[in-house]
């Protein structure tokens, strides 16, 4: 066994998930995007590195997408820079590709199963639509447990 100082930072497990299921929002109320993954840390001192690539499109004028990331029912990461994506007055469909990219080191202090997920809304609150996984494109989430 390695001394604790040397084993800190070691990747203990990796969980990867993806979805191609289309999710739409026309509301300012946040809803699940369908992108989710669960991990069970092996120690309360472990960190969980969260990496997200979410595909997004917008349909309609004055429409933008806002995103949040959750561990179970807790929003993590605080204020996510540039979380309002794709605002434009153009009324045509605009596919942004992997527009929401997010990386965060979480300290859950838990050895229970933890579920990470994204939520989104239509930040413009207009008649337009924000679409995740447009045309059944893939969105990805990667969780890495790192020894703390």
Protein backbone atom coordinates (compact mmCIF):
# COMPACT_ATOMS: atom_id res chain seq x y z
CA UNK A 1 0.00 0.00 0.00
CA UNK A 2 1.15 3.51 -0.76
CA UNK A 3 1.49 6.11 1.99
CA UNK A 4 -1.53 8.42 2.17
CA UNK A 5 0.41 11.40 0.81
CA UNK A 6 1.34 9.48 -2.34
CA UNK A 7 -2.10 7.96 -2.93
CA UNK A 8 -3.89 11.34 -2.75
CA UNK A 9 -5.09 12.31 -6.21
CA UNK A 10 -5.25 8.75 -7.50
CA UNK A 11 -8.28 8.03 -9.73
CA UNK A 12 -10.29 5.32 -7.96
CA UNK A 13 -13.19 4.86 -10.38
CA UNK A 14 -14.68 6.35 -13.52
CA UNK A 15 -18.35 6.41 -14.50
CA UNK A 16 -19.49 7.52 -17.95
CA UNK A 17 -23.01 7.98 -19.26
CA UNK A 18 -24.67 9.54 -22.29
CA UNK A 19 -28.10 10.22 -23.71
CA UNK A 20 -29.53 10.98 -27.13
CA UNK A 21 -33.10 11.45 -25.92
CA UNK A 22 -34.47 14.82 -27.03
CA UNK A 23 -35.61 17.14 -24.23
CA UNK A 24 -37.47 20.42 -24.89
CA UNK A 25 -38.20 23.44 -22.73
CA UNK A 26 -40.47 26.39 -23.43
CA UNK A 27 -40.62 27.43 -19.77
CA UNK A 28 -38.48 29.36 -17.30
CA UNK A 29 -39.01 26.46 -14.86
CA UNK A 30 -35.99 24.16 -14.72
CA UNK A 31 -36.44 20.57 -15.93
CA UNK A 32 -34.18 17.53 -16.32
CA UNK A 33 -32.25 17.24 -19.59
CA UNK A 34 -32.12 13.45 -19.34
CA UNK A 35 -28.35 13.46 -18.78
CA UNK A 36 -27.57 11.65 -15.52
CA UNK A 37 -24.99 9.35 -13.92
CA UNK A 38 -24.47 7.81 -10.48
CA UNK A 39 -21.32 7.04 -8.51
CA UNK A 40 -20.67 5.62 -5.03
CA UNK A 41 -17.48 7.07 -3.52
CA UNK A 42 -15.32 4.63 -1.59
CA UNK A 43 -14.35 7.18 1.11
CA UNK A 44 -15.82 10.37 2.56
CA UNK A 45 -12.53 12.13 1.76
CA UNK A 46 -12.87 11.41 -1.97
CA UNK A 47 -13.48 14.13 -4.54
CA UNK A 48 -15.71 13.65 -7.58
CA UNK A 49 -14.62 15.33 -10.80
CA UNK A 50 -17.68 16.13 -12.93
CA UNK A 51 -17.25 16.68 -16.69
CA UNK A 52 -20.29 17.48 -18.85
CA UNK A 53 -20.73 18.06 -22.58
CA UNK A 54 -24.38 18.89 -23.33
CA UNK A 55 -25.63 19.35 -26.89
CA UNK A 56 -28.09 22.23 -27.30
CA UNK A 57 -30.19 23.96 -29.95
CA UNK A 58 -32.65 26.82 -29.83
CA UNK A 59 -35.77 27.39 -31.91
CA UNK A 60 -37.48 30.76 -31.97
CA UNK A 61 -36.52 34.36 -31.34
CA UNK A 62 -35.49 35.76 -27.95
CA UNK A 63 -34.66 32.30 -26.64
CA UNK A 64 -31.70 31.21 -24.52
CA UNK A 65 -30.88 28.15 -22.47
CA UNK A 66 -29.87 28.22 -18.81
CA UNK A 67 -28.30 25.19 -17.16
CA UNK A 68 -27.74 23.89 -13.64
CA UNK A 69 -25.84 20.86 -12.37
CA UNK A 70 -27.05 18.84 -9.38
CA UNK A 71 -25.70 16.22 -7.02
CA UNK A 72 -28.93 14.55 -5.90
CA UNK A 73 -31.08 17.58 -4.95
CA UNK A 74 -28.14 19.96 -4.32
CA UNK A 75 -27.07 22.40 -7.01
CA UNK A 76 -23.28 22.27 -7.29
CA UNK A 77 -20.72 24.65 -8.69
CA UNK A 78 -22.39 27.86 -7.61
CA UNK A 79 -22.73 30.43 -10.36
CA UNK A 80 -21.80 28.79 -13.66
CA UNK A 81 -20.18 31.36 -15.97
CA UNK A 82 -22.02 31.87 -19.27
CA UNK A 83 -24.79 29.47 -18.32
CA UNK A 84 -27.22 31.44 -20.50
CA UNK A 85 -26.46 29.99 -23.91
CA UNK A 86 -27.33 31.04 -27.39
CA UNK A 87 -29.38 34.18 -26.96
CA UNK A 88 -30.31 35.60 -30.36
CA UNK A 89 -33.20 37.46 -31.89
CA UNK A 90 -33.09 35.14 -34.89
CA UNK A 91 -36.24 33.01 -35.16
CA UNK A 92 -34.66 30.10 -37.06
CA UNK A 93 -33.36 26.90 -35.48
CA UNK A 94 -29.77 27.27 -34.37
CA UNK A 95 -27.84 24.15 -33.33
CA UNK A 96 -24.99 25.08 -30.99
CA UNK A 97 -23.45 21.61 -30.74
CA UNK A 98 -21.76 20.91 -27.39
CA UNK A 99 -22.72 24.33 -26.10
CA UNK A 100 -22.86 23.59 -22.37
CA UNK A 101 -19.49 22.36 -21.14
CA UNK A 102 -18.89 22.07 -17.42
CA UNK A 103 -16.06 20.84 -15.20
CA UNK A 104 -16.20 20.84 -11.42
CA UNK A 105 -14.45 19.20 -8.48
CA UNK A 106 -17.13 18.19 -5.98
CA UNK A 107 -16.48 17.25 -2.34
CA UNK A 108 -19.58 15.23 -1.42
CA UNK A 109 -18.24 13.77 1.89
CA UNK A 110 -20.30 10.64 1.31
CA UNK A 111 -20.01 6.93 0.66
CA UNK A 112 -23.63 6.66 -0.50
CA UNK A 113 -24.72 6.45 -4.12
CA UNK A 114 -24.77 9.97 -5.63
CA UNK A 115 -26.64 10.97 -8.77
CA UNK A 116 -25.39 13.85 -10.88
CA UNK A 117 -27.63 15.44 -13.50
CA UNK A 118 -28.24 18.57 -15.52
CA UNK A 119 -31.34 20.72 -15.70
CA UNK A 120 -32.26 23.47 -18.14
CA UNK A 121 -34.87 26.08 -18.93
CA UNK A 122 -35.80 28.66 -21.54
CA UNK A 123 -34.16 31.72 -20.04
CA UNK A 124 -35.88 34.04 -22.47
CA UNK A 125 -39.29 32.90 -21.31
CA UNK A 126 -40.54 33.50 -24.83
CA UNK A 127 -42.51 31.32 -27.18
CA UNK A 128 -39.30 29.71 -28.40
CA UNK A 129 -37.86 26.32 -27.44
CA UNK A 130 -34.53 25.19 -26.01
CA UNK A 131 -33.73 21.63 -27.06
CA UNK A 132 -31.16 19.30 -25.53
CA UNK A 133 -29.88 16.41 -27.64
CA UNK A 134 -31.33 18.00 -30.82
CA UNK A 135 -31.78 15.53 -33.68
CA UNK A 136 -30.89 12.80 -31.13
CA UNK A 137 -27.31 14.04 -30.84
CA UNK A 138 -25.35 12.75 -27.84
CA UNK A 139 -24.70 14.50 -24.52
CA UNK A 140 -22.09 13.09 -22.14
CA UNK A 141 -21.31 13.06 -18.42
CA UNK A 142 -18.12 11.71 -16.86
CA UNK A 143 -17.66 11.20 -13.10
CA UNK A 144 -14.21 10.41 -11.65
CA UNK A 145 -13.67 9.55 -8.01
CA UNK A 146 -10.28 10.87 -6.90
CA UNK A 147 -8.64 9.97 -3.58
CA UNK A 148 -8.72 12.96 -1.23
